[in-house]
C-alpha atoms as a PDB file:
ATOM      1  CA  MET A   1    -103.959  58.664  93.385  1.00  0.00           C
ATOM      2  CA  SER A   2    -105.146  55.647  91.402  1.00  0.00           C
ATOM      3  CA  GLU A   3    -101.940  54.813  89.534  1.00  0.00           C
ATOM      4  CA  ARG A   4     -99.187  52.980  91.407  1.00  0.00           C
ATOM      5  CA  ILE A   5     -96.065  55.095  92.015  1.00  0.00           C
ATOM      6  CA  LYS A   6     -92.866  53.371  90.920  1.00  0.00           C
ATOM      7  CA  THR A   7     -89.995  55.678  91.892  1.00  0.00           C
ATOM      8  CA  PHE A   8     -89.048  57.317  95.166  1.00  0.00           C
ATOM      9  CA  LYS A   9     -88.741  60.710  93.463  1.00  0.00           C
ATOM     10  CA  GLU A  10     -92.373  60.496  92.335  1.00  0.00           C
ATOM     11  CA  PHE A  11     -93.446  59.229  95.712  1.00  0.00           C
ATOM     12  CA  TYR A  12     -91.739  61.954  97.743  1.00  0.00           C
ATOM     13  CA  SER A  13     -93.545  64.635  95.788  1.00  0.00           C
ATOM     14  CA  TYR A  14     -96.830  62.823  96.487  1.00  0.00           C
ATOM     15  CA  TYR A  15     -95.827  62.316 100.144  1.00  0.00           C
ATOM     16  CA  LEU A  16     -95.289  66.052 100.634  1.00  0.00           C
ATOM     17  CA  SER A  17     -98.695  66.743  99.067  1.00  0.00           C
ATOM     18  CA  GLN A  18    -100.194  64.553 101.805  1.00  0.00           C
ATOM     19  CA  HIS A  19     -98.318  66.471 104.522  1.00  0.00           C
ATOM     20  CA  ARG A  20     -99.267  70.077 103.792  1.00  0.00           C
ATOM     21  CA  LYS A  21    -100.604  71.182 107.162  1.00  0.00           C
ATOM     22  CA  LYS A  22     -98.318  72.676 109.796  1.00  0.00           C
ATOM     23  CA  TRP A  23     -99.558  70.390 112.584  1.00  0.00           C
ATOM     24  CA  THR A  24     -99.170  67.270 110.462  1.00  0.00           C
ATOM     25  CA  ARG A  25     -95.520  68.131 109.933  1.00  0.00           C
ATOM     26  CA  ILE A  26     -95.058  68.946 113.620  1.00  0.00           C
ATOM     27  CA  PHE A  27     -96.549  65.608 114.713  1.00  0.00           C
ATOM     28  CA  HIS A  28     -94.424  63.715 112.165  1.00  0.00           C
ATOM     29  CA  PHE A  29     -91.299  65.560 113.288  1.00  0.00           C
ATOM     30  CA  ALA A  30     -92.023  64.838 116.949  1.00  0.00           C
ATOM     31  CA  GLY A  31     -92.777  61.179 116.221  1.00  0.00           C
ATOM     32  CA  THR A  32     -89.568  60.686 114.258  1.00  0.00           C
ATOM     33  CA  LEU A  33     -87.537  62.494 116.919  1.00  0.00           C
ATOM     34  CA  LEU A  34     -89.015  60.221 119.594  1.00  0.00           C
ATOM     35  CA  VAL A  35     -88.259  57.129 117.470  1.00  0.00           C
ATOM     36  CA  ILE A  36     -84.632  58.219 117.191  1.00  0.00           C
ATOM     37  CA  ALA A  37     -84.503  58.900 120.940  1.00  0.00           C
ATOM     38  CA  VAL A  38     -85.938  55.462 121.785  1.00  0.00           C
ATOM     39  CA  ILE A  39     -83.492  53.710 119.459  1.00  0.00           C
ATOM     40  CA  ILE A  40     -80.548  55.565 121.025  1.00  0.00           C
ATOM     41  CA  TYR A  41     -81.833  54.802 124.529  1.00  0.00           C
ATOM     42  CA  VAL A  42     -82.274  51.090 123.760  1.00  0.00           C
ATOM     43  CA  LEU A  43     -78.820  50.874 122.177  1.00  0.00           C
ATOM     44  CA  GLN A  44     -77.196  52.583 125.163  1.00  0.00           C
ATOM     45  CA  SER A  45     -79.166  50.859 127.904  1.00  0.00           C
ATOM     46  CA  GLY A  46     -79.772  47.462 126.373  1.00  0.00           C
ATOM     47  CA  LYS A  47     -83.410  47.662 127.500  1.00  0.00           C
ATOM     48  CA  GLU A  48     -85.127  46.181 124.445  1.00  0.00           C
ATOM     49  CA  ARG A  49     -88.486  46.254 126.214  1.00  0.00           C
ATOM     50  CA  PHE A  50     -88.745  49.922 125.237  1.00  0.00           C
ATOM     51  CA  LEU A  51     -88.847  49.029 121.528  1.00  0.00           C
ATOM     52  CA  TRP A  52     -92.616  48.665 121.761  1.00  0.00           C
ATOM     53  CA  TYR A  53     -92.736  52.488 121.909  1.00  0.00           C
ATOM     54  CA  LEU A  54     -91.521  52.687 118.299  1.00  0.00           C
ATOM     55  CA  PRO A  55     -94.881  52.045 116.583  1.00  0.00           C
ATOM     56  CA  ILE A  56     -96.691  54.278 119.063  1.00  0.00           C
ATOM     57  CA  PHE A  57     -94.374  57.220 118.446  1.00  0.00           C
ATOM     58  CA  GLY A  58     -93.497  56.516 114.833  1.00  0.00           C
ATOM     59  CA  TRP A  59     -96.854  55.531 113.468  1.00  0.00           C
ATOM     60  CA  GLY A  60     -99.333  56.594 116.130  1.00  0.00           C
ATOM     61  CA  LEU A  61     -98.504  60.292 116.198  1.00  0.00           C
ATOM     62  CA  SER A  62     -98.282  60.417 112.419  1.00  0.00           C
ATOM     63  CA  ALA A  63    -101.585  58.605 111.854  1.00  0.00           C
ATOM     64  CA  PHE A  64    -103.294  60.843 114.406  1.00  0.00           C
ATOM     65  CA  SER A  65    -102.157  63.924 112.487  1.00  0.00           C
ATOM     66  CA  HIS A  66    -103.504  62.570 109.199  1.00  0.00           C
ATOM     67  CA  TYR A  67    -106.947  61.835 110.581  1.00  0.00           C
ATOM     68  CA  VAL A  68    -107.233  65.038 112.624  1.00  0.00           C
ATOM     69  CA  PHE A  69    -105.420  67.694 110.560  1.00  0.00           C
ATOM     70  CA  GLU A  70    -104.973  66.479 106.985  1.00  0.00           C
ATOM     71  CA  LYS A  71    -108.221  64.498 106.807  1.00  0.00           C
ATOM     72  CA  ASN A  72    -106.539  61.853 104.642  1.00  0.00           C
ATOM     73  CA  VAL A  73    -105.280  58.291 104.951  1.00  0.00           C
ATOM     74  CA  PRO A  74    -101.574  57.796 105.801  1.00  0.00           C
ATOM     75  CA  THR A  75     -99.438  56.673 102.854  1.00  0.00           C
ATOM     76  CA  THR A  76     -98.073  53.859 105.039  1.00  0.00           C
ATOM     77  CA  PHE A  77    -100.868  51.514 104.011  1.00  0.00           C
ATOM     78  CA  LYS A  78    -100.058  51.609 100.296  1.00  0.00           C
ATOM     79  CA  TYR A  79     -96.324  52.433 100.295  1.00  0.00           C
ATOM     80  CA  PRO A  80     -94.782  51.299 103.612  1.00  0.00           C
ATOM     81  CA  VAL A  81     -91.082  51.380 102.612  1.00  0.00           C
ATOM     82  CA  PHE A  82     -91.277  54.643 100.658  1.00  0.00           C
ATOM     83  CA  THR A  83     -93.221  56.185 103.563  1.00  0.00           C
ATOM     84  CA  LEU A  84     -90.635  55.169 106.159  1.00  0.00           C
ATOM     85  CA  ILE A  85     -87.819  56.631 104.056  1.00  0.00           C
ATOM     86  CA  SER A  86     -89.869  59.781 103.404  1.00  0.00           C
ATOM     87  CA  ASP A  87     -90.614  60.260 107.110  1.00  0.00           C
ATOM     88  CA  PHE A  88     -86.896  60.430 107.852  1.00  0.00           C
ATOM     89  CA  ARG A  89     -86.165  62.571 104.798  1.00  0.00           C
ATOM     90  CA  MET A  90     -88.865  65.073 105.771  1.00  0.00           C
ATOM     91  CA  PHE A  91     -87.569  65.052 109.369  1.00  0.00           C
ATOM     92  CA  PHE A  92     -84.030  65.943 108.260  1.00  0.00           C
ATOM     93  CA  GLU A  93     -85.273  68.511 105.729  1.00  0.00           C
ATOM     94  CA  LEU A  94     -87.317  70.185 108.481  1.00  0.00           C
ATOM     95  CA  LEU A  95     -84.335  69.995 110.845  1.00  0.00           C
ATOM     96  CA  THR A  96     -81.988  71.626 108.318  1.00  0.00           C
ATOM     97  CA  GLY A  97     -84.504  74.202 107.087  1.00  0.00           C
ATOM     98  CA  LYS A  98     -84.843  72.816 103.566  1.00  0.00           C
ATOM     99  CA  LEU A  99     -88.553  72.415 104.370  1.00  0.00           C
ATOM    100  CA  THR A 100     -90.595  74.518 106.751  1.00  0.00           C
ATOM    101  CA  PHE A 101     -93.332  73.484 109.121  1.00  0.00           C
ATOM    102  CA  LYS A 102     -95.655  75.674 107.092  1.00  0.00           C
ATOM    103  CA  ALA A 103     -96.156  74.047 103.705  1.00  0.00           C
END
C-alpha cells in the first residue's frame, strides 16, 4: 500500500487483509489475551515489574506470526495507533464470533 490511509475504517479493512492466515490470528489473539491478563495482574497485585511482558506478548507474538505465517511486515511500523486499536477490535470480534480464526 503506497498511499497513506487516513481513516480507521479504511485501515481496519487493510489490517484484516494483512491478517488472513489462521495462525496469524491465533497468535494475535493469544498475545492480546496475555496483554489483558498482565494488565489485570499488575492492577491487582501492584507488581509493576511485570509490565515489561507487555511488548513481548503484545508485539512479539504478533510480529512472529507476520514473519513466519503471513510473510509480511506488521502494520505497527507505519500505523502504530490504528494497529493497536485494530488488535483489540480483532480480538473482541474473534471472541464474539464476528470474525473467525479462518479468514
